[in-house]
N, C-alpha and C. Protein backbone atom coordinates (compact mmCIF):
# COMPACT_ATOMS: atom_id res chain seq x y z
N UNK A 1 26.46 -39.58 -2.06
CA UNK A 1 25.27 -38.51 -2.01
C UNK A 1 25.66 -37.03 -1.03
N UNK A 2 26.41 -35.80 -2.39
CA UNK A 2 27.47 -35.02 -2.02
C UNK A 2 26.71 -33.42 -1.19
N UNK A 3 26.51 -32.78 -0.89
CA UNK A 3 25.55 -31.89 -0.57
C UNK A 3 25.78 -30.20 -0.88
N UNK A 4 25.63 -30.40 -1.82
CA UNK A 4 25.56 -28.59 -2.33
C UNK A 4 25.29 -27.50 -1.78
N UNK A 5 25.98 -27.08 -0.86
CA UNK A 5 25.67 -25.10 -0.37
C UNK A 5 25.43 -24.37 -1.52
N UNK A 6 25.49 -24.15 -2.04
CA UNK A 6 25.55 -23.17 -3.12
C UNK A 6 24.34 -23.42 -3.69
N UNK A 7 23.71 -24.27 -4.07
CA UNK A 7 21.98 -24.87 -4.46
C UNK A 7 21.25 -24.94 -3.35
N UNK A 8 21.73 -25.24 -2.21
CA UNK A 8 20.68 -25.31 -1.40
C UNK A 8 20.22 -23.69 -0.93
N UNK A 9 21.32 -22.82 -0.93
CA UNK A 9 20.75 -21.72 -0.01
C UNK A 9 20.28 -21.22 -1.62
N UNK A 10 20.31 -20.53 -2.71
CA UNK A 10 20.15 -20.92 -3.73
C UNK A 10 18.12 -20.65 -3.60
N UNK A 11 18.59 -22.30 -3.58
CA UNK A 11 16.40 -22.41 -2.88
C UNK A 11 15.98 -21.50 -2.23
N UNK A 12 16.49 -21.61 -0.80
CA UNK A 12 16.39 -20.96 0.20
C UNK A 12 15.85 -19.18 -0.10
N UNK A 13 17.02 -19.02 -0.81
CA UNK A 13 16.56 -17.71 -0.83
C UNK A 13 15.73 -17.23 -2.05
N UNK A 14 15.13 -18.52 -2.99
CA UNK A 14 14.38 -18.08 -3.92
C UNK A 14 12.94 -18.42 -2.70
N UNK A 15 13.13 -18.81 -2.08
CA UNK A 15 11.69 -19.10 -0.88
C UNK A 15 11.52 -17.46 -0.91
N UNK A 16 12.40 -17.69 0.12
CA UNK A 16 12.29 -16.19 1.21
C UNK A 16 11.73 -14.94 0.10
N UNK A 17 12.33 -15.20 -1.11
CA UNK A 17 12.01 -13.98 -1.55
C UNK A 17 10.25 -13.60 -2.47
N UNK A 18 10.46 -15.58 -2.61
CA UNK A 18 9.19 -15.28 -2.99
C UNK A 18 7.40 -15.22 -1.58
N UNK A 19 8.34 -15.40 -0.74
CA UNK A 19 7.15 -15.18 0.57
C UNK A 19 7.15 -13.69 0.97
N UNK A 20 8.35 -13.00 0.87
CA UNK A 20 8.14 -11.48 0.71
C UNK A 20 6.76 -11.04 -0.58
N UNK A 21 7.28 -11.39 -1.44
CA UNK A 21 6.73 -10.59 -2.66
C UNK A 21 5.16 -11.07 -2.16
N UNK A 22 4.45 -11.89 -1.46
CA UNK A 22 3.34 -12.35 -1.32
C UNK A 22 3.04 -11.48 -0.22
N UNK A 23 4.06 -11.37 -0.18
CA UNK A 23 3.90 -10.12 1.89
C UNK A 23 3.39 -9.45 1.57
N UNK A 24 3.96 -8.48 0.59
CA UNK A 24 3.94 -7.07 -0.05
C UNK A 24 3.11 -7.54 -0.78
N UNK A 25 2.78 -7.73 -1.72
CA UNK A 25 1.39 -7.70 -2.66
C UNK A 25 0.08 -8.41 -1.34
N UNK A 26 0.36 -8.81 -1.19
CA UNK A 26 -1.25 -8.13 0.62
C UNK A 26 -1.22 -7.14 1.02
N UNK A 27 0.24 -7.13 1.88
CA UNK A 27 0.10 -5.43 2.00
C UNK A 27 -0.38 -4.22 1.34
N UNK A 28 -0.28 -4.51 -0.36
CA UNK A 28 -0.48 -3.66 -1.49
C UNK A 28 -2.06 -3.17 -0.81
N UNK A 29 -2.70 -4.42 -1.34
CA UNK A 29 -3.64 -4.92 -1.72
C UNK A 29 -5.07 -4.56 -0.19
N UNK A 30 -4.62 -4.84 0.92
CA UNK A 30 -5.17 -4.13 2.47
C UNK A 30 -5.08 -3.24 2.42
N UNK A 31 -3.69 -1.88 2.18
CA UNK A 31 -4.03 -0.82 2.53
C UNK A 31 -4.90 0.45 0.66
N UNK A 32 -4.83 -0.25 -0.44
CA UNK A 32 -5.69 -0.02 -1.30
C UNK A 32 -6.77 -0.26 -1.31
N UNK A 33 -7.06 -1.42 -0.81
CA UNK A 33 -8.56 -1.55 -0.38
C UNK A 33 -8.92 -0.08 0.68
N UNK A 34 -8.51 -0.09 1.71
CA UNK A 34 -8.93 0.85 2.38
C UNK A 34 -8.29 2.56 2.32
N UNK A 35 -7.99 2.76 1.51
CA UNK A 35 -7.82 4.15 0.99
C UNK A 35 -8.96 4.15 0.01
N UNK A 36 -9.30 2.85 -0.75
CA UNK A 36 -10.51 2.81 -1.41
C UNK A 36 -12.21 3.73 -0.33
N UNK A 37 -12.23 2.38 0.65
CA UNK A 37 -12.87 2.42 1.48
C UNK A 37 -12.99 4.09 1.55
N UNK A 38 -12.24 4.56 2.26
CA UNK A 38 -11.95 5.76 3.32
C UNK A 38 -12.31 6.16 2.35
N UNK A 39 -11.44 7.20 1.16
CA UNK A 39 -12.73 8.06 0.12
C UNK A 39 -14.02 7.28 -0.36
N UNK A 40 -14.04 7.25 -0.34
CA UNK A 40 -15.75 6.16 -0.21
C UNK A 40 -16.35 7.30 0.27
N UNK A 41 -15.98 6.24 1.88
CA UNK A 41 -16.27 7.54 2.81
C UNK A 41 -16.80 9.19 2.98
N UNK A 42 -15.29 9.78 3.17
CA UNK A 42 -16.15 10.95 3.13
C UNK A 42 -16.48 11.32 1.18
N UNK A 43 -16.22 10.73 0.05
CA UNK A 43 -17.55 11.18 -1.27
C UNK A 43 -19.65 11.37 0.24
N UNK A 44 -19.35 9.93 0.58
CA UNK A 44 -20.50 9.89 1.46
C UNK A 44 -20.61 11.05 2.41
N UNK A 45 -20.01 11.58 2.91
CA UNK A 45 -19.63 12.72 3.84
C UNK A 45 -19.94 13.97 3.11
N UNK A 46 -19.46 14.25 1.66
CA UNK A 46 -19.77 15.63 1.03
C UNK A 46 -17.92 15.78 0.69
N UNK A 47 -17.11 15.00 1.23
CA UNK A 47 -15.86 16.11 0.93
C UNK A 47 -15.95 15.48 -0.08
N UNK A 48 -14.56 15.85 -1.18
CA UNK A 48 -13.48 15.78 -1.85
C UNK A 48 -11.84 15.25 -1.23
N UNK A 49 -11.90 14.14 -2.26
CA UNK A 49 -10.39 14.22 -1.86
C UNK A 49 -9.49 14.80 -2.57
N UNK A 50 -8.03 15.49 -2.21
CA UNK A 50 -7.08 16.08 -2.55
C UNK A 50 -6.81 15.47 -4.12
N UNK A 51 -5.80 16.93 -4.40
CA UNK A 51 -5.18 16.09 -5.81
C UNK A 51 -6.24 15.08 -7.00
N UNK A 52 -6.08 13.88 -6.37
CA UNK A 52 -7.03 13.04 -7.89
C UNK A 52 -8.14 12.25 -7.17
N UNK A 53 -9.17 11.51 -7.70
CA UNK A 53 -10.18 10.98 -7.41
C UNK A 53 -9.74 9.96 -6.55
N UNK A 54 -10.53 9.43 -5.72
CA UNK A 54 -10.73 8.15 -4.67
C UNK A 54 -10.15 6.86 -5.78
N UNK A 55 -10.51 6.61 -6.56
CA UNK A 55 -10.07 5.14 -7.55
C UNK A 55 -8.73 5.38 -7.81
N UNK A 56 -8.30 6.77 -7.45
CA UNK A 56 -7.26 7.19 -7.95
C UNK A 56 -5.61 7.13 -7.55
N UNK A 57 -6.13 7.93 -5.93
CA UNK A 57 -6.03 6.99 -4.43
C UNK A 57 -5.26 6.02 -4.66
N UNK A 58 -6.36 5.26 -5.09
CA UNK A 58 -6.92 3.50 -4.17
C UNK A 58 -6.00 3.44 -5.69
N UNK A 59 -5.19 3.89 -6.38
CA UNK A 59 -4.57 2.57 -7.67
C UNK A 59 -3.37 3.05 -7.83
N UNK A 60 -2.94 4.06 -6.94
CA UNK A 60 -1.73 4.19 -6.54
C UNK A 60 -1.22 3.96 -5.06
N UNK A 61 -2.02 3.92 -4.17
CA UNK A 61 -1.68 3.28 -3.12
C UNK A 61 -1.81 1.49 -4.01
N UNK A 62 -2.05 0.86 -4.65
CA UNK A 62 -1.77 -0.39 -5.35
C UNK A 62 -0.66 -0.70 -5.49
N UNK A 63 -0.36 0.09 -6.51
CA UNK A 63 0.94 0.64 -7.16
C UNK A 63 2.18 0.82 -5.92
N UNK A 64 1.91 1.82 -5.56
CA UNK A 64 3.26 2.69 -4.38
C UNK A 64 3.14 1.98 -3.07
N UNK A 65 1.98 1.57 -2.79
CA UNK A 65 2.43 0.19 -1.62
C UNK A 65 1.78 2.07 -0.38
N UNK A 66 2.50 1.03 1.26
CA UNK A 66 2.73 2.44 2.74
C UNK A 66 2.55 3.42 2.01
N UNK A 67 3.83 3.92 1.34
CA UNK A 67 4.24 5.69 0.96
C UNK A 67 2.92 6.24 0.54
N UNK A 68 2.24 5.72 -0.30
CA UNK A 68 1.04 6.59 -1.19
C UNK A 68 0.11 6.17 0.15
N UNK A 69 -0.32 5.39 0.52
CA UNK A 69 -1.36 5.22 1.54
C UNK A 69 -0.43 6.21 2.93
N UNK A 70 0.27 6.84 3.60
CA UNK A 70 1.63 7.62 4.09
C UNK A 70 0.45 9.15 3.75
N UNK A 71 1.20 9.28 1.73
CA UNK A 71 0.81 10.00 2.17
C UNK A 71 -0.53 11.02 1.65
N UNK A 72 -1.74 10.14 1.60
CA UNK A 72 -3.05 10.11 1.66
C UNK A 72 -3.11 10.03 2.83
N UNK A 73 -3.08 10.06 3.81
CA UNK A 73 -3.78 9.84 5.63
C UNK A 73 -2.83 11.36 5.73
N UNK A 74 -1.49 11.83 5.58
CA UNK A 74 -1.05 12.91 6.14
C UNK A 74 -1.84 14.44 4.75
N UNK A 75 -2.55 13.83 3.78
CA UNK A 75 -2.98 14.94 2.95
C UNK A 75 -4.82 14.36 4.11
N UNK A 76 -5.04 14.18 3.97
CA UNK A 76 -6.52 13.99 3.96
C UNK A 76 -6.75 13.66 5.77
N UNK A 77 -5.95 13.89 7.03
CA UNK A 77 -6.15 13.59 8.72
C UNK A 77 -4.59 13.40 9.11
N UNK A 78 -3.96 14.20 9.12
CA UNK A 78 -3.22 14.99 9.57
C UNK A 78 -3.32 16.44 10.30
N UNK A 79 -2.79 16.74 10.76
CA UNK A 79 -3.10 18.12 11.25
C UNK A 79 -2.00 19.20 10.60
N UNK A 80 -0.94 18.58 9.82
CA UNK A 80 -1.14 19.90 8.21
C UNK A 80 -2.19 19.66 7.58
N UNK A 81 -2.70 19.09 7.49
CA UNK A 81 -3.97 19.30 6.73
C UNK A 81 -5.23 19.36 7.41
N UNK A 82 -5.94 19.80 8.68
CA UNK A 82 -6.33 20.15 9.60
C UNK A 82 -5.15 21.78 9.01
N UNK A 83 -4.84 23.12 9.54
CA UNK A 83 -4.14 23.37 9.49
C UNK A 83 -4.45 24.41 7.85
N UNK A 84 -4.77 24.13 6.60
CA UNK A 84 -4.40 24.40 5.61
C UNK A 84 -6.12 25.22 5.11
N UNK A 85 -7.21 24.49 6.50
CA UNK A 85 -8.93 24.23 5.98
C UNK A 85 -8.99 25.77 6.70
């Protein structure tokens, strides 16, 4: 029985890629649900979200991940957002 290093490396990389993809999917889901929950809370307080609706922000976060969530936070909660009011 001979050991094929490249086959082993290929299988290891495939497992690492699959693990990273699952982690990425979970993070996107977590951030999208947090944005959806927060936009709902804003609506209950009588505030609106900027640019698009809350559900659109949640969907964009589901697709774009943490970068879109960071943009949402910047637009709604940072000192930059408070300075424009």
